[in-house]
PDB file of N, CA and C in Angstrom:
ATOM      1  N   MET A   1      -5.035  -5.114   4.640  1.00  0.00           N
ATOM      2  CA  MET A   1      -3.683  -4.743   4.939  1.00  0.00           C
ATOM      3  C   MET A   1      -2.736  -5.689   4.222  1.00  0.00           C
ATOM      4  N   SER A   2      -1.576  -5.157   3.858  1.00  0.00           N
ATOM      5  CA  SER A   2      -0.608  -5.967   3.124  1.00  0.00           C
ATOM      6  C   SER A   2       0.783  -5.368   3.280  1.00  0.00           C
ATOM      7  N   ARG A   3       1.741  -6.103   2.835  1.00  0.00           N
ATOM      8  CA  ARG A   3       3.098  -5.575   2.751  1.00  0.00           C
ATOM      9  C   ARG A   3       3.223  -4.822   1.442  1.00  0.00           C
ATOM     10  N   LEU A   4       4.240  -3.965   1.356  1.00  0.00           N
ATOM     11  CA  LEU A   4       4.524  -3.311   0.087  1.00  0.00           C
ATOM     12  C   LEU A   4       5.078  -4.348  -0.884  1.00  0.00           C
ATOM     13  N   SER A   5       4.599  -4.328  -2.097  1.00  0.00           N
ATOM     14  CA  SER A   5       5.120  -5.195  -3.152  1.00  0.00           C
ATOM     15  C   SER A   5       5.797  -4.312  -4.183  1.00  0.00           C
ATOM     16  N   LEU A   6       6.956  -4.704  -4.631  1.00  0.00           N
ATOM     17  CA  LEU A   6       7.659  -3.978  -5.678  1.00  0.00           C
ATOM     18  C   LEU A   6       7.496  -4.754  -6.975  1.00  0.00           C
ATOM     19  N   LEU A   7       6.783  -4.161  -7.928  1.00  0.00           N
ATOM     20  CA  LEU A   7       6.491  -4.827  -9.188  1.00  0.00           C
ATOM     21  C   LEU A   7       6.892  -3.936 -10.358  1.00  0.00           C
ATOM     22  N   ARG A   8       7.187  -4.569 -11.466  1.00  0.00           N
ATOM     23  CA  ARG A   8       7.553  -3.823 -12.671  1.00  0.00           C
ATOM     24  C   ARG A   8       6.301  -3.537 -13.493  1.00  0.00           C
ATOM     25  N   GLU A   9       6.150  -2.269 -13.860  1.00  0.00           N
ATOM     26  CA  GLU A   9       5.087  -1.831 -14.780  1.00  0.00           C
ATOM     27  C   GLU A   9       5.751  -1.441 -16.091  1.00  0.00           C
ATOM     28  N   SER A  10       4.947  -1.054 -17.053  1.00  0.00           N
ATOM     29  CA  SER A  10       5.513  -0.623 -18.333  1.00  0.00           C
ATOM     30  C   SER A  10       6.390   0.619 -18.175  1.00  0.00           C
ATOM     31  N   SER A  11       6.084   1.446 -17.173  1.00  0.00           N
ATOM     32  CA  SER A  11       6.863   2.678 -16.960  1.00  0.00           C
ATOM     33  C   SER A  11       8.028   2.489 -15.992  1.00  0.00           C
ATOM     34  N   GLY A  12       8.187   1.287 -15.438  1.00  0.00           N
ATOM     35  CA  GLY A  12       9.290   1.030 -14.511  1.00  0.00           C
ATOM     36  C   GLY A  12       8.801   0.330 -13.252  1.00  0.00           C
ATOM     37  N   TRP A  13       9.600   0.395 -12.211  1.00  0.00           N
ATOM     38  CA  TRP A  13       9.290  -0.271 -10.943  1.00  0.00           C
ATOM     39  C   TRP A  13       8.409   0.600 -10.071  1.00  0.00           C
ATOM     40  N   ARG A  14       7.463  -0.038  -9.365  1.00  0.00           N
ATOM     41  CA  ARG A  14       6.536   0.701  -8.512  1.00  0.00           C
ATOM     42  C   ARG A  14       6.129  -0.176  -7.331  1.00  0.00           C
ATOM     43  N   HIS A  15       5.916   0.469  -6.188  1.00  0.00           N
ATOM     44  CA  HIS A  15       5.369  -0.227  -5.027  1.00  0.00           C
ATOM     45  C   HIS A  15       3.847  -0.317  -5.167  1.00  0.00           C
ATOM     46  N   PHE A  16       3.292  -1.393  -4.604  1.00  0.00           N
ATOM     47  CA  PHE A  16       1.851  -1.620  -4.596  1.00  0.00           C
ATOM     48  C   PHE A  16       1.421  -1.970  -3.174  1.00  0.00           C
ATOM     49  N   VAL A  17       0.223  -1.534  -2.801  1.00  0.00           N
ATOM     50  CA  VAL A  17      -0.411  -1.907  -1.537  1.00  0.00           C
ATOM     51  C   VAL A  17      -1.809  -2.412  -1.875  1.00  0.00           C
ATOM     52  N   GLU A  18      -2.122  -3.595  -1.401  1.00  0.00           N
ATOM     53  CA  GLU A  18      -3.431  -4.205  -1.640  1.00  0.00           C
ATOM     54  C   GLU A  18      -3.775  -4.223  -3.131  1.00  0.00           C
ATOM     55  N   GLY A  19      -2.757  -4.452  -3.965  1.00  0.00           N
ATOM     56  CA  GLY A  19      -2.958  -4.552  -5.405  1.00  0.00           C
ATOM     57  C   GLY A  19      -3.065  -3.233  -6.145  1.00  0.00           C
ATOM     58  N   LYS A  20      -2.983  -2.103  -5.443  1.00  0.00           N
ATOM     59  CA  LYS A  20      -3.094  -0.789  -6.077  1.00  0.00           C
ATOM     60  C   LYS A  20      -1.729  -0.108  -6.100  1.00  0.00           C
ATOM     61  N   PRO A  21      -1.398   0.590  -7.206  1.00  0.00           N
ATOM     62  CA  PRO A  21      -0.102   1.266  -7.279  1.00  0.00           C
ATOM     63  C   PRO A  21      -0.010   2.421  -6.290  1.00  0.00           C
ATOM     64  N   VAL A  22       1.168   2.580  -5.707  1.00  0.00           N
ATOM     65  CA  VAL A  22       1.431   3.672  -4.770  1.00  0.00           C
ATOM     66  C   VAL A  22       2.301   4.700  -5.491  1.00  0.00           C
ATOM     67  N   HIS A  23       1.859   5.933  -5.504  1.00  0.00           N
ATOM     68  CA  HIS A  23       2.595   7.014  -6.154  1.00  0.00           C
ATOM     69  C   HIS A  23       3.250   7.890  -5.093  1.00  0.00           C
ATOM     70  N   CYS A  24       4.336   8.548  -5.463  1.00  0.00           N
ATOM     71  CA  CYS A  24       4.978   9.477  -4.535  1.00  0.00           C
ATOM     72  C   CYS A  24       3.963  10.519  -4.085  1.00  0.00           C
ATOM     73  N   GLY A  25       3.951  10.778  -2.788  1.00  0.00           N
ATOM     74  CA  GLY A  25       3.000  11.715  -2.207  1.00  0.00           C
ATOM     75  C   GLY A  25       1.709  11.072  -1.735  1.00  0.00           C
ATOM     76  N   SER A  26       1.545   9.767  -2.004  1.00  0.00           N
ATOM     77  CA  SER A  26       0.320   9.069  -1.569  1.00  0.00           C
ATOM     78  C   SER A  26       0.242   9.003  -0.052  1.00  0.00           C
ATOM     79  N   CYS A  27      -0.977   9.092   0.455  1.00  0.00           N
ATOM     80  CA  CYS A  27      -1.220   8.910   1.889  1.00  0.00           C
ATOM     81  C   CYS A  27      -1.549   7.442   2.123  1.00  0.00           C
ATOM     82  N   LEU A  28      -0.853   6.848   3.078  1.00  0.00           N
ATOM     83  CA  LEU A  28      -1.067   5.460   3.460  1.00  0.00           C
ATOM     84  C   LEU A  28      -1.168   5.366   4.970  1.00  0.00           C
ATOM     85  N   GLN A  29      -1.584   4.229   5.445  1.00  0.00           N
ATOM     86  CA  GLN A  29      -1.494   3.929   6.867  1.00  0.00           C
ATOM     87  C   GLN A  29      -0.462   2.820   7.017  1.00  0.00           C
ATOM     88  N   TRP A  30       0.457   3.018   7.971  1.00  0.00           N
ATOM     89  CA  TRP A  30       1.565   2.103   8.198  1.00  0.00           C
ATOM     90  C   TRP A  30       1.461   1.534   9.599  1.00  0.00           C
ATOM     91  N   SER A  31       1.690   0.246   9.727  1.00  0.00           N
ATOM     92  CA  SER A  31       1.677  -0.403  11.032  1.00  0.00           C
ATOM     93  C   SER A  31       3.059  -0.981  11.330  1.00  0.00           C
ATOM     94  N   PRO A  32       3.713  -0.480  12.360  1.00  0.00           N
ATOM     95  CA  PRO A  32       5.017  -1.024  12.737  1.00  0.00           C
ATOM     96  C   PRO A  32       4.901  -2.288  13.594  1.00  0.00           C
ATOM     97  N   ASP A  33       3.674  -2.636  14.008  1.00  0.00           N
ATOM     98  CA  ASP A  33       3.497  -3.725  14.976  1.00  0.00           C
ATOM     99  C   ASP A  33       2.435  -4.742  14.551  1.00  0.00           C
ATOM    100  N   ARG A  34       2.467  -5.142  13.301  1.00  0.00           N
ATOM    101  CA  ARG A  34       1.585  -6.182  12.755  1.00  0.00           C
ATOM    102  C   ARG A  34       0.100  -5.880  12.866  1.00  0.00           C
ATOM    103  N   GLY A  35      -0.281  -4.627  12.699  1.00  0.00           N
ATOM    104  CA  GLY A  35      -1.694  -4.268  12.635  1.00  0.00           C
ATOM    105  C   GLY A  35      -2.314  -3.818  13.933  1.00  0.00           C
ATOM    106  N   ILE A  36      -1.536  -3.698  15.006  1.00  0.00           N
ATOM    107  CA  ILE A  36      -2.090  -3.219  16.276  1.00  0.00           C
ATOM    108  C   ILE A  36      -2.265  -1.703  16.247  1.00  0.00           C
ATOM    109  N   THR A  37      -1.246  -1.003  15.767  1.00  0.00           N
ATOM    110  CA  THR A  37      -1.252   0.459  15.690  1.00  0.00           C
ATOM    111  C   THR A  37      -1.143   0.870  14.227  1.00  0.00           C
ATOM    112  N   TRP A  38      -1.922   1.884  13.834  1.00  0.00           N
ATOM    113  CA  TRP A  38      -1.842   2.402  12.462  1.00  0.00           C
ATOM    114  C   TRP A  38      -1.480   3.877  12.525  1.00  0.00           C
ATOM    115  N   ILE A  39      -0.509   4.269  11.692  1.00  0.00           N
ATOM    116  CA  ILE A  39      -0.017   5.649  11.648  1.00  0.00           C
ATOM    117  C   ILE A  39      -0.197   6.165  10.228  1.00  0.00           C
ATOM    118  N   ASN A  40      -0.807   7.342  10.099  1.00  0.00           N
ATOM    119  CA  ASN A  40      -0.942   7.964   8.783  1.00  0.00           C
ATOM    120  C   ASN A  40       0.424   8.472   8.342  1.00  0.00           C
ATOM    121  N   VAL A  41       0.812   8.133   7.119  1.00  0.00           N
ATOM    122  CA  VAL A  41       2.102   8.541   6.580  1.00  0.00           C
ATOM    123  C   VAL A  41       1.946   8.989   5.135  1.00  0.00           C
ATOM    124  N   ARG A  42       2.950   9.727   4.681  1.00  0.00           N
ATOM    125  CA  ARG A  42       3.050  10.091   3.258  1.00  0.00           C
ATOM    126  C   ARG A  42       4.183   9.273   2.663  1.00  0.00           C
ATOM    127  N   TYR A  43       3.915   8.618   1.545  1.00  0.00           N
ATOM    128  CA  TYR A  43       4.882   7.747   0.878  1.00  0.00           C
ATOM    129  C   TYR A  43       5.731   8.543  -0.109  1.00  0.00           C
ATOM    130  N   GLU A  44       7.014   8.276  -0.109  1.00  0.00           N
ATOM    131  CA  GLU A  44       7.943   8.746  -1.137  1.00  0.00           C
ATOM    132  C   GLU A  44       8.849   7.580  -1.483  1.00  0.00           C
ATOM    133  N   ALA A  45       9.428   7.596  -2.656  1.00  0.00           N
ATOM    134  CA  ALA A  45      10.356   6.545  -3.074  1.00  0.00           C
ATOM    135  C   ALA A  45      11.777   7.067  -2.942  1.00  0.00           C
ATOM    136  N   GLY A  46      12.637   6.246  -2.366  1.00  0.00           N
ATOM    137  CA  GLY A  46      14.036   6.600  -2.241  1.00  0.00           C
ATOM    138  C   GLY A  46      14.878   5.700  -3.133  1.00  0.00           C
ATOM    139  N   GLY A  47      16.097   6.109  -3.357  1.00  0.00           N
ATOM    140  CA  GLY A  47      17.025   5.271  -4.112  1.00  0.00           C
ATOM    141  C   GLY A  47      17.138   5.673  -5.554  1.00  0.00           C
ATOM    142  N   GLY A  48      17.615   4.754  -6.329  1.00  0.00           N
ATOM    143  CA  GLY A  48      17.867   5.011  -7.735  1.00  0.00           C
ATOM    144  C   GLY A  48      16.772   4.467  -8.611  1.00  0.00           C
ATOM    145  N   SER A  49      17.186   3.725  -9.603  1.00  0.00           N
ATOM    146  CA  SER A  49      16.215   3.194 -10.552  1.00  0.00           C
ATOM    147  C   SER A  49      16.193   1.677 -10.450  1.00  0.00           C
ATOM    148  N   GLY A  50      15.286   1.092 -11.165  1.00  0.00           N
ATOM    149  CA  GLY A  50      15.186  -0.362 -11.169  1.00  0.00           C
ATOM    150  C   GLY A  50      14.727  -0.893  -9.836  1.00  0.00           C
ATOM    151  N   GLU A  51      15.210  -2.065  -9.493  1.00  0.00           N
ATOM    152  CA  GLU A  51      14.811  -2.714  -8.251  1.00  0.00           C
ATOM    153  C   GLU A  51      15.459  -2.088  -7.027  1.00  0.00           C
ATOM    154  N   LYS A  52      16.233  -1.060  -7.213  1.00  0.00           N
ATOM    155  CA  LYS A  52      16.928  -0.419  -6.096  1.00  0.00           C
ATOM    156  C   LYS A  52      16.184   0.809  -5.590  1.00  0.00           C
ATOM    157  N   ILE A  53      14.872   0.709  -5.480  1.00  0.00           N
ATOM    158  CA  ILE A  53      14.095   1.771  -4.849  1.00  0.00           C
ATOM    159  C   ILE A  53      13.531   1.221  -3.549  1.00  0.00           C
ATOM    160  N   TRP A  54      13.321   2.093  -2.596  1.00  0.00           N
ATOM    161  CA  TRP A  54      12.782   1.670  -1.305  1.00  0.00           C
ATOM    162  C   TRP A  54      11.815   2.730  -0.806  1.00  0.00           C
ATOM    163  N   PRO A  55      10.912   2.339   0.085  1.00  0.00           N
ATOM    164  CA  PRO A  55       9.932   3.296   0.604  1.00  0.00           C
ATOM    165  C   PRO A  55      10.554   4.209   1.656  1.00  0.00           C
ATOM    166  N   VAL A  56      10.189   5.464   1.582  1.00  0.00           N
ATOM    167  CA  VAL A  56      10.521   6.445   2.615  1.00  0.00           C
ATOM    168  C   VAL A  56       9.185   7.031   3.055  1.00  0.00           C
ATOM    169  N   LEU A  57       8.919   6.984   4.349  1.00  0.00           N
ATOM    170  CA  LEU A  57       7.644   7.455   4.874  1.00  0.00           C
ATOM    171  C   LEU A  57       7.855   8.710   5.695  1.00  0.00           C
ATOM    172  N   TYR A  58       6.877   9.606   5.662  1.00  0.00           N
ATOM    173  CA  TYR A  58       6.911  10.819   6.475  1.00  0.00           C
ATOM    174  C   TYR A  58       5.674  10.841   7.361  1.00  0.00           C
ATOM    175  N   ALA A  59       5.913  10.914   8.662  1.00  0.00           N
ATOM    176  CA  ALA A  59       4.840  10.974   9.658  1.00  0.00           C
ATOM    177  C   ALA A  59       4.260  12.384   9.692  1.00  0.00           C
ATOM    178  N   PRO A  60       3.095  12.567  10.314  1.00  0.00           N
ATOM    179  CA  PRO A  60       2.478  13.895  10.388  1.00  0.00           C
ATOM    180  C   PRO A  60       3.373  14.958  11.042  1.00  0.00           C
ATOM    181  N   ASP A  61       4.268  14.554  11.942  1.00  0.00           N
ATOM    182  CA  ASP A  61       5.164  15.528  12.577  1.00  0.00           C
ATOM    183  C   ASP A  61       6.389  15.838  11.724  1.00  0.00           C
ATOM    184  N   GLY A  62       6.475  15.237  10.523  1.00  0.00           N
ATOM    185  CA  GLY A  62       7.581  15.495   9.609  1.00  0.00           C
ATOM    186  C   GLY A  62       8.747  14.537   9.752  1.00  0.00           C
ATOM    187  N   SER A  63       8.692  13.653  10.746  1.00  0.00           N
ATOM    188  CA  SER A  63       9.797  12.713  10.918  1.00  0.00           C
ATOM    189  C   SER A  63       9.815  11.698   9.774  1.00  0.00           C
ATOM    190  N   ARG A  64      11.013  11.280   9.457  1.00  0.00           N
ATOM    191  CA  ARG A  64      11.230  10.345   8.351  1.00  0.00           C
ATOM    192  C   ARG A  64      11.337   8.927   8.910  1.00  0.00           C
ATOM    193  N   ILE A  65      10.657   7.979   8.255  1.00  0.00           N
ATOM    194  CA  ILE A  65      10.617   6.591   8.709  1.00  0.00           C
ATOM    195  C   ILE A  65      11.092   5.696   7.569  1.00  0.00           C
ATOM    196  N   SER A  66      11.974   4.769   7.905  1.00  0.00           N
ATOM    197  CA  SER A  66      12.371   3.717   6.965  1.00  0.00           C
ATOM    198  C   SER A  66      11.725   2.430   7.461  1.00  0.00           C
ATOM    199  N   PRO A  67      10.626   2.006   6.841  1.00  0.00           N
ATOM    200  CA  PRO A  67       9.891   0.858   7.367  1.00  0.00           C
ATOM    201  C   PRO A  67      10.646  -0.456   7.174  1.00  0.00           C
ATOM    202  N   ALA A  68      10.416  -1.370   8.098  1.00  0.00           N
ATOM    203  CA  ALA A  68      10.971  -2.718   7.980  1.00  0.00           C
ATOM    204  C   ALA A  68      10.246  -3.473   6.864  1.00  0.00           C
ATOM    205  N   VAL A  69      10.901  -4.461   6.324  1.00  0.00           N
ATOM    206  CA  VAL A  69      10.320  -5.246   5.231  1.00  0.00           C
ATOM    207  C   VAL A  69       8.999  -5.879   5.643  1.00  0.00           C
ATOM    208  N   GLU A  70       8.893  -6.297   6.908  1.00  0.00           N
ATOM    209  CA  GLU A  70       7.669  -6.972   7.360  1.00  0.00           C
ATOM    210  C   GLU A  70       6.555  -6.011   7.772  1.00  0.00           C
ATOM    211  N   SER A  71       6.768  -4.701   7.650  1.00  0.00           N
ATOM    212  CA  SER A  71       5.731  -3.722   7.991  1.00  0.00           C
ATOM    213  C   SER A  71       4.483  -3.926   7.149  1.00  0.00           C
ATOM    214  N   LEU A  72       3.350  -3.618   7.739  1.00  0.00           N
ATOM    215  CA  LEU A  72       2.073  -3.713   7.026  1.00  0.00           C
ATOM    216  C   LEU A  72       1.577  -2.319   6.634  1.00  0.00           C
ATOM    217  N   PHE A  73       0.851  -2.278   5.538  1.00  0.00           N
ATOM    218  CA  PHE A  73       0.292  -1.025   5.021  1.00  0.00           C
ATOM    219  C   PHE A  73      -1.157  -1.249   4.628  1.00  0.00           C
ATOM    220  N   GLN A  74      -1.904  -0.158   4.630  1.00  0.00           N
ATOM    221  CA  GLN A  74      -3.250  -0.173   4.088  1.00  0.00           C
ATOM    222  C   GLN A  74      -3.576   1.239   3.610  1.00  0.00           C
ATOM    223  N   TRP A  75      -4.573   1.317   2.759  1.00  0.00           N
ATOM    224  CA  TRP A  75      -5.050   2.608   2.310  1.00  0.00           C
ATOM    225  C   TRP A  75      -5.923   3.193   3.405  1.00  0.00           C
ATOM    226  N   PRO A  76      -5.882   4.511   3.609  1.00  0.00           N
ATOM    227  CA  PRO A  76      -6.743   5.117   4.623  1.00  0.00           C
ATOM    228  C   PRO A  76      -8.208   4.936   4.262  1.00  0.00           C
ATOM    229  N   PRO A  77      -9.077   4.871   5.277  1.00  0.00           N
ATOM    230  CA  PRO A  77     -10.509   4.775   4.981  1.00  0.00           C
ATOM    231  C   PRO A  77     -10.978   6.000   4.202  1.00  0.00           C
ATOM    232  N   GLN A  78     -11.928   5.790   3.329  1.00  0.00           N
ATOM    233  CA  GLN A  78     -12.418   6.910   2.513  1.00  0.00           C
ATOM    234  C   GLN A  78     -13.709   7.452   3.049  1.00  0.00           C
TER     235      GLN A  78
END
């Protein structure tokens, strides 16, 4: 589990989880409570370009979540 990292790639800025790039539409697990509870979410990027992008998450019921900076993420088990 890790926090989202925003890093620059050759194609622009991208979020990473556990060292792997996160693409729009990716399925992740999000923890709002430091790893006690995990919720399956779909990742989308909000905002403009450059460093001004932020994560937008969609829960299975369709609700939109704006995660806190200290939120933890992990890839779902395979």
